[in-house]
Amino acid sequence: MMYRYVEFDDETLVTHSEIREKNNEKYIDVYFEKPIEGGFCSANCQLPSYTWTEIDGYTKDDIDFFTKWLEHNAATIFKYAACGGLQIA
């Protein structure tokens, strides 16, 4: 299951998974996606390791920005992942 978290002014959508577990370690996947002409830029970051995968269309500067942004939002994202996502009325 993926949960919507936030959308930036440039239409980058940030979503996250529920809390998952592998080898007794809990993690979540955070996805970044932005529409561009002919498709999307996308990237996946696994927390808490900050491991980036599936980067398509984003620059190193973009990923650096997202990493810093995640450092400030990871605890909140984990909180929402634990309770079934951000509840928006």
C-alpha atoms as a PDB file:
ATOM      1  CA  MET A   1       0.000   0.000   0.000  1.00  0.00           C
ATOM      2  CA  MET A   2       1.242   3.490  -0.836  1.00  0.00           C
ATOM      3  CA  TYR A   3       0.158   6.617   1.024  1.00  0.00           C
ATOM      4  CA  ARG A   4       0.213  10.171  -0.296  1.00  0.00           C
ATOM      5  CA  TYR A   5       2.334  12.479   1.881  1.00  0.00           C
ATOM      6  CA  VAL A   6       2.901  15.827   0.139  1.00  0.00           C
ATOM      7  CA  GLU A   7       3.033  17.529  -3.251  1.00  0.00           C
ATOM      8  CA  PHE A   8       5.665  20.219  -3.900  1.00  0.00           C
ATOM      9  CA  ASP A   9       4.939  23.378  -5.904  1.00  0.00           C
ATOM     10  CA  ASP A  10       6.696  21.857  -8.949  1.00  0.00           C
ATOM     11  CA  GLU A  11       4.164  18.963  -8.896  1.00  0.00           C
ATOM     12  CA  THR A  12       6.614  16.474  -7.333  1.00  0.00           C
ATOM     13  CA  LEU A  13       4.437  13.983  -5.471  1.00  0.00           C
ATOM     14  CA  VAL A  14       5.862  12.229  -2.405  1.00  0.00           C
ATOM     15  CA  THR A  15       4.294   8.947  -1.335  1.00  0.00           C
ATOM     16  CA  HIS A  16       5.388   6.309   1.154  1.00  0.00           C
ATOM     17  CA  SER A  17       4.768   2.678   1.954  1.00  0.00           C
ATOM     18  CA  GLU A  18       3.527   1.147   5.155  1.00  0.00           C
ATOM     19  CA  ILE A  19       6.204   0.020   7.601  1.00  0.00           C
ATOM     20  CA  ARG A  20       7.803  -3.126   6.233  1.00  0.00           C
ATOM     21  CA  GLU A  21      10.176  -5.586   7.823  1.00  0.00           C
ATOM     22  CA  LYS A  22      13.063  -7.595   6.410  1.00  0.00           C
ATOM     23  CA  ASN A  23      15.637  -9.500   8.459  1.00  0.00           C
ATOM     24  CA  ASN A  24      14.091  -8.073  11.663  1.00  0.00           C
ATOM     25  CA  GLU A  25      14.701  -4.503  10.434  1.00  0.00           C
ATOM     26  CA  LYS A  26      11.834  -2.088   9.862  1.00  0.00           C
ATOM     27  CA  TYR A  27      11.886   0.233   6.865  1.00  0.00           C
ATOM     28  CA  ILE A  28       9.671   2.237   4.571  1.00  0.00           C
ATOM     29  CA  ASP A  29       9.968   3.175   0.911  1.00  0.00           C
ATOM     30  CA  VAL A  30       9.481   6.813  -0.043  1.00  0.00           C
ATOM     31  CA  TYR A  31       8.746   7.566  -3.688  1.00  0.00           C
ATOM     32  CA  PHE A  32       9.239  10.863  -5.505  1.00  0.00           C
ATOM     33  CA  GLU A  33       7.520  11.407  -8.847  1.00  0.00           C
ATOM     34  CA  LYS A  34       7.111  14.483 -11.040  1.00  0.00           C
ATOM     35  CA  PRO A  35       5.308  14.700 -14.375  1.00  0.00           C
ATOM     36  CA  ILE A  36       7.409  15.898 -17.290  1.00  0.00           C
ATOM     37  CA  GLU A  37       6.727  16.049 -20.986  1.00  0.00           C
ATOM     38  CA  GLY A  38       6.575  12.459 -22.211  1.00  0.00           C
ATOM     39  CA  GLY A  39       6.561  10.791 -18.783  1.00  0.00           C
ATOM     40  CA  PHE A  40       7.798  11.201 -15.231  1.00  0.00           C
ATOM     41  CA  CYS A  41      10.928  11.771 -13.175  1.00  0.00           C
ATOM     42  CA  SER A  42      10.963   9.242 -10.359  1.00  0.00           C
ATOM     43  CA  ALA A  43      13.109   7.960  -7.515  1.00  0.00           C
ATOM     44  CA  ASN A  44      12.776   5.680  -4.492  1.00  0.00           C
ATOM     45  CA  CYS A  45      14.484   6.132  -1.134  1.00  0.00           C
ATOM     46  CA  GLN A  46      14.432   3.477   1.570  1.00  0.00           C
ATOM     47  CA  LEU A  47      14.383   4.777   5.139  1.00  0.00           C
ATOM     48  CA  PRO A  48      16.053   4.688   7.601  1.00  0.00           C
ATOM     49  CA  SER A  49      19.112   3.761   5.483  1.00  0.00           C
ATOM     50  CA  TYR A  50      18.574   6.580   2.944  1.00  0.00           C
ATOM     51  CA  THR A  51      19.327   4.124   0.151  1.00  0.00           C
ATOM     52  CA  TRP A  52      18.299   5.542  -3.242  1.00  0.00           C
ATOM     53  CA  THR A  53      17.156   3.261  -6.062  1.00  0.00           C
ATOM     54  CA  GLU A  54      15.276   3.513  -9.334  1.00  0.00           C
ATOM     55  CA  ILE A  55      16.388   7.098 -10.017  1.00  0.00           C
ATOM     56  CA  ASP A  56      15.066   8.200 -13.401  1.00  0.00           C
ATOM     57  CA  GLY A  57      15.247  11.803 -14.598  1.00  0.00           C
ATOM     58  CA  TYR A  58      16.362  13.435 -11.357  1.00  0.00           C
ATOM     59  CA  THR A  59      19.798  15.056 -11.045  1.00  0.00           C
ATOM     60  CA  LYS A  60      22.316  14.588  -8.245  1.00  0.00           C
ATOM     61  CA  ASP A  61      21.295  18.024  -6.945  1.00  0.00           C
ATOM     62  CA  ASP A  62      17.643  16.913  -6.889  1.00  0.00           C
ATOM     63  CA  ILE A  63      18.537  13.780  -4.906  1.00  0.00           C
ATOM     64  CA  ASP A  64      20.684  15.827  -2.509  1.00  0.00           C
ATOM     65  CA  PHE A  65      17.722  18.171  -1.937  1.00  0.00           C
ATOM     66  CA  PHE A  66      15.342  15.239  -1.377  1.00  0.00           C
ATOM     67  CA  THR A  67      17.812  13.626   1.050  1.00  0.00           C
ATOM     68  CA  LYS A  68      18.011  16.799   3.151  1.00  0.00           C
ATOM     69  CA  TRP A  69      14.231  17.141   2.997  1.00  0.00           C
ATOM     70  CA  LEU A  70      13.826  13.527   4.152  1.00  0.00           C
ATOM     71  CA  GLU A  71      16.220  14.104   7.051  1.00  0.00           C
ATOM     72  CA  HIS A  72      13.725  16.695   8.327  1.00  0.00           C
ATOM     73  CA  ASN A  73      10.612  14.630   7.577  1.00  0.00           C
ATOM     74  CA  ALA A  74      11.590  10.978   8.195  1.00  0.00           C
ATOM     75  CA  ALA A  75      10.206  10.774  11.742  1.00  0.00           C
ATOM     76  CA  THR A  76       6.852  12.179  10.649  1.00  0.00           C
ATOM     77  CA  ILE A  77       6.696   9.888   7.622  1.00  0.00           C
ATOM     78  CA  PHE A  78       7.406   6.867   9.857  1.00  0.00           C
ATOM     79  CA  LYS A  79       4.638   8.043  12.214  1.00  0.00           C
ATOM     80  CA  TYR A  80       2.111   8.186   9.386  1.00  0.00           C
ATOM     81  CA  ALA A  81       3.328   4.899   7.914  1.00  0.00           C
ATOM     82  CA  ALA A  82       2.631   3.237  11.261  1.00  0.00           C
ATOM     83  CA  CYS A  83      -0.966   4.477  11.391  1.00  0.00           C
ATOM     84  CA  GLY A  84      -2.071   3.964   7.806  1.00  0.00           C
ATOM     85  CA  GLY A  85      -0.992   7.178   6.139  1.00  0.00           C
ATOM     86  CA  LEU A  86      -1.902  10.825   6.515  1.00  0.00           C
ATOM     87  CA  GLN A  87      -5.652  11.147   6.944  1.00  0.00           C
ATOM     88  CA  ILE A  88      -6.891  13.940   4.693  1.00  0.00           C
ATOM     89  CA  ALA A  89     -10.526  14.964   4.973  1.00  0.00           C
END
